[in-house]
N, C-alpha and C. Protein backbone atom coordinates (compact mmCIF):
# COMPACT_ATOMS: atom_id res chain seq x y z
N MET A 1 -49.82 -79.27 43.41
CA MET A 1 -50.64 -77.71 42.95
C MET A 1 -50.12 -77.00 44.80
N PHE A 2 -49.28 -75.53 43.92
CA PHE A 2 -48.92 -74.77 44.52
C PHE A 2 -49.19 -73.80 45.23
N PRO A 3 -49.81 -71.87 46.04
CA PRO A 3 -50.41 -71.38 46.58
C PRO A 3 -50.26 -70.28 45.03
N GLU A 4 -52.12 -69.79 44.58
CA GLU A 4 -51.70 -69.46 43.32
C GLU A 4 -50.74 -67.92 44.08
N GLU A 5 -50.62 -67.82 44.92
CA GLU A 5 -50.28 -66.27 44.84
C GLU A 5 -48.53 -66.74 44.61
N LEU A 6 -48.39 -67.39 44.24
CA LEU A 6 -46.33 -67.33 43.69
C LEU A 6 -46.84 -67.01 42.82
N PRO A 7 -47.72 -68.27 41.46
CA PRO A 7 -47.26 -67.27 39.64
C PRO A 7 -48.74 -65.85 39.67
N ASP A 8 -48.92 -64.99 40.91
CA ASP A 8 -50.30 -64.18 40.83
C ASP A 8 -49.69 -62.93 40.70
N PHE A 9 -48.92 -63.18 42.04
CA PHE A 9 -47.26 -61.73 42.55
C PHE A 9 -46.34 -62.21 41.07
N PHE A 10 -45.66 -63.43 40.31
CA PHE A 10 -44.76 -63.40 39.58
C PHE A 10 -44.87 -61.86 37.87
N ILE A 11 -46.56 -62.47 37.85
CA ILE A 11 -47.49 -62.44 36.59
C ILE A 11 -47.70 -61.26 36.69
N LYS A 12 -47.97 -60.68 37.90
CA LYS A 12 -48.87 -58.63 37.89
C LYS A 12 -47.10 -58.23 37.39
N ALA A 13 -45.77 -59.08 38.02
CA ALA A 13 -44.92 -57.89 38.59
C ALA A 13 -44.21 -58.17 36.81
N PHE A 14 -44.53 -58.97 35.91
CA PHE A 14 -43.51 -59.03 35.46
C PHE A 14 -43.68 -59.12 33.40
N SER A 15 -45.72 -58.58 33.73
CA SER A 15 -46.46 -59.20 32.34
C SER A 15 -47.33 -58.07 32.66
N ASN A 16 -47.97 -57.37 30.79
CA ASN A 16 -49.19 -56.55 30.92
C ASN A 16 -50.10 -57.36 31.16
N LYS A 17 -50.94 -56.72 31.38
CA LYS A 17 -52.36 -57.38 30.54
C LYS A 17 -52.38 -57.67 28.89
N GLY A 18 -52.83 -58.68 28.61
CA GLY A 18 -51.82 -58.87 27.25
C GLY A 18 -51.72 -59.48 27.00
N ASP A 19 -50.81 -59.51 27.59
CA ASP A 19 -49.25 -59.94 27.06
C ASP A 19 -49.51 -61.82 27.53
N THR A 20 -48.88 -62.44 27.27
CA THR A 20 -48.47 -64.21 26.84
C THR A 20 -47.65 -65.11 28.40
N VAL A 21 -48.65 -65.97 28.96
CA VAL A 21 -47.14 -65.84 29.76
C VAL A 21 -47.19 -67.73 29.75
N LEU A 22 -46.35 -67.95 30.06
CA LEU A 22 -45.79 -69.49 29.12
C LEU A 22 -45.27 -70.40 30.22
N ASP A 23 -46.45 -71.83 30.23
CA ASP A 23 -46.12 -72.81 31.38
C ASP A 23 -45.11 -74.47 31.01
N PRO A 24 -44.36 -74.69 30.65
CA PRO A 24 -44.07 -75.35 29.89
C PRO A 24 -44.32 -77.01 30.78
N PHE A 25 -44.69 -76.50 32.12
CA PHE A 25 -44.81 -77.86 32.77
C PHE A 25 -46.57 -77.58 33.03
N MET A 26 -47.42 -77.44 32.66
CA MET A 26 -48.70 -76.90 33.15
C MET A 26 -49.30 -77.62 34.25
N GLY A 27 -48.95 -78.95 34.66
CA GLY A 27 -49.81 -79.97 35.75
C GLY A 27 -51.45 -79.75 35.81
N SER A 28 -51.78 -79.41 37.11
CA SER A 28 -52.70 -78.77 37.38
C SER A 28 -53.05 -77.22 36.44
N GLY A 29 -52.69 -76.27 36.04
CA GLY A 29 -53.52 -75.34 35.79
C GLY A 29 -53.43 -74.05 36.81
N THR A 30 -52.35 -74.15 37.21
CA THR A 30 -52.16 -72.84 38.56
C THR A 30 -52.15 -71.96 37.58
N THR A 31 -50.94 -71.82 36.94
CA THR A 31 -50.36 -70.31 36.42
C THR A 31 -51.14 -69.83 35.05
N ALA A 32 -51.64 -71.31 34.35
CA ALA A 32 -52.58 -70.81 33.65
C ALA A 32 -53.92 -70.31 33.73
N LYS A 33 -54.23 -71.08 35.26
CA LYS A 33 -56.00 -70.45 35.39
C LYS A 33 -55.70 -68.01 36.77
N MET A 34 -53.84 -68.20 36.48
CA MET A 34 -53.77 -66.73 37.62
C MET A 34 -53.86 -65.96 36.26
N ALA A 35 -53.16 -66.45 34.81
CA ALA A 35 -53.13 -65.80 34.33
C ALA A 35 -53.83 -64.98 33.54
N ALA A 36 -54.90 -66.17 32.82
CA ALA A 36 -56.35 -66.06 32.24
C ALA A 36 -57.11 -64.85 33.90
N LEU A 37 -57.66 -64.90 34.82
CA LEU A 37 -57.54 -64.28 35.94
C LEU A 37 -57.41 -62.88 35.93
N ASN A 38 -56.08 -62.59 35.53
CA ASN A 38 -55.08 -61.40 35.45
C ASN A 38 -54.94 -60.31 33.95
N GLY A 39 -56.22 -61.00 33.15
CA GLY A 39 -56.41 -60.61 32.39
C GLY A 39 -54.78 -60.97 30.89
N ARG A 40 -54.15 -62.15 30.94
CA ARG A 40 -53.14 -62.20 30.80
C ARG A 40 -53.56 -64.02 29.41
N ASN A 41 -53.23 -63.99 28.94
CA ASN A 41 -53.52 -64.96 27.42
C ASN A 41 -51.96 -65.85 28.22
N TYR A 42 -52.39 -67.91 27.99
CA TYR A 42 -51.48 -68.44 28.49
C TYR A 42 -51.45 -69.53 27.33
N ILE A 43 -50.19 -69.81 27.76
CA ILE A 43 -50.26 -70.99 26.61
C ILE A 43 -49.48 -72.39 27.57
N GLY A 44 -50.16 -73.64 27.44
CA GLY A 44 -48.99 -74.63 29.23
C GLY A 44 -48.71 -75.94 28.46
N PHE A 45 -47.93 -76.24 27.93
CA PHE A 45 -48.03 -77.59 28.11
C PHE A 45 -47.66 -78.79 29.08
N GLU A 46 -48.17 -80.15 28.13
CA GLU A 46 -48.41 -80.81 29.48
C GLU A 46 -48.84 -82.28 29.47
N VAL A 47 -48.33 -82.92 29.56
CA VAL A 47 -48.33 -84.58 28.64
C VAL A 47 -49.12 -85.80 29.52
N SER A 48 -50.04 -85.24 30.94
CA SER A 48 -50.34 -85.96 31.35
C SER A 48 -52.34 -85.40 30.85
N GLU A 49 -52.71 -86.68 30.42
CA GLU A 49 -53.86 -85.98 29.70
C GLU A 49 -55.33 -86.00 31.03
N GLU A 50 -54.86 -86.95 32.28
CA GLU A 50 -55.46 -86.69 33.48
C GLU A 50 -55.30 -85.02 34.18
N TYR A 51 -53.86 -84.84 33.67
CA TYR A 51 -54.02 -82.76 34.38
C TYR A 51 -54.33 -82.41 33.61
N ILE A 52 -54.41 -82.49 32.03
CA ILE A 52 -55.09 -81.59 31.44
C ILE A 52 -56.38 -81.68 31.38
N GLU A 53 -57.09 -82.41 31.70
CA GLU A 53 -58.84 -82.12 32.29
C GLU A 53 -58.47 -81.18 33.68
N ILE A 54 -57.72 -81.24 34.49
CA ILE A 54 -58.07 -80.70 35.14
C ILE A 54 -57.78 -79.24 35.49
N ALA A 55 -57.33 -79.10 34.64
CA ALA A 55 -56.41 -78.01 34.06
C ALA A 55 -57.10 -77.54 33.64
N ASN A 56 -58.50 -77.70 32.65
CA ASN A 56 -59.60 -77.29 31.88
C ASN A 56 -60.25 -76.22 32.51
N GLN A 57 -60.85 -77.53 33.70
CA GLN A 57 -61.87 -77.82 34.52
C GLN A 57 -61.26 -76.52 35.13
N ARG A 58 -60.23 -76.72 35.97
CA ARG A 58 -60.27 -75.21 36.87
C ARG A 58 -59.97 -73.72 36.29
N ILE A 59 -60.17 -73.77 35.01
CA ILE A 59 -59.55 -72.35 34.44
C ILE A 59 -60.65 -71.84 33.68
N GLU A 60 -61.46 -73.28 33.43
CA GLU A 60 -63.03 -72.30 32.91
C GLU A 60 -63.87 -72.13 33.65
N THR A 61 -63.60 -72.91 35.42
CA THR A 61 -64.48 -72.48 36.53
C THR A 61 -64.28 -71.73 37.03
N ALA A 62 -63.02 -70.70 36.59
CA ALA A 62 -62.07 -69.68 36.71
C ALA A 62 -63.28 -68.13 36.50
N VAL A 63 -62.82 -68.21 35.40
CA VAL A 63 -62.79 -67.07 34.95
C VAL A 63 -64.76 -67.20 34.11
N THR A 64 -65.53 -68.07 34.05
CA THR A 64 -66.54 -68.29 34.87
C THR A 64 -67.28 -67.88 35.59
N GLN A 65 -66.81 -67.07 36.71
CA GLN A 65 -67.26 -66.96 38.19
C GLN A 65 -67.66 -65.34 38.12
């Protein structure tokens, strides 16, 4: 994982609320999480089922708080 501040900055700087953020290497879902928290849609690709589960959990937890 990398710091959440990194995708947060770029998402805010280069997109608007309601836009869609693409993450072709989703990993643990940091970019998708920050997109959701900033009112953006997201599309992410990941081949590891383990990481997909981790990403889904992180995103769900973030948006329900």
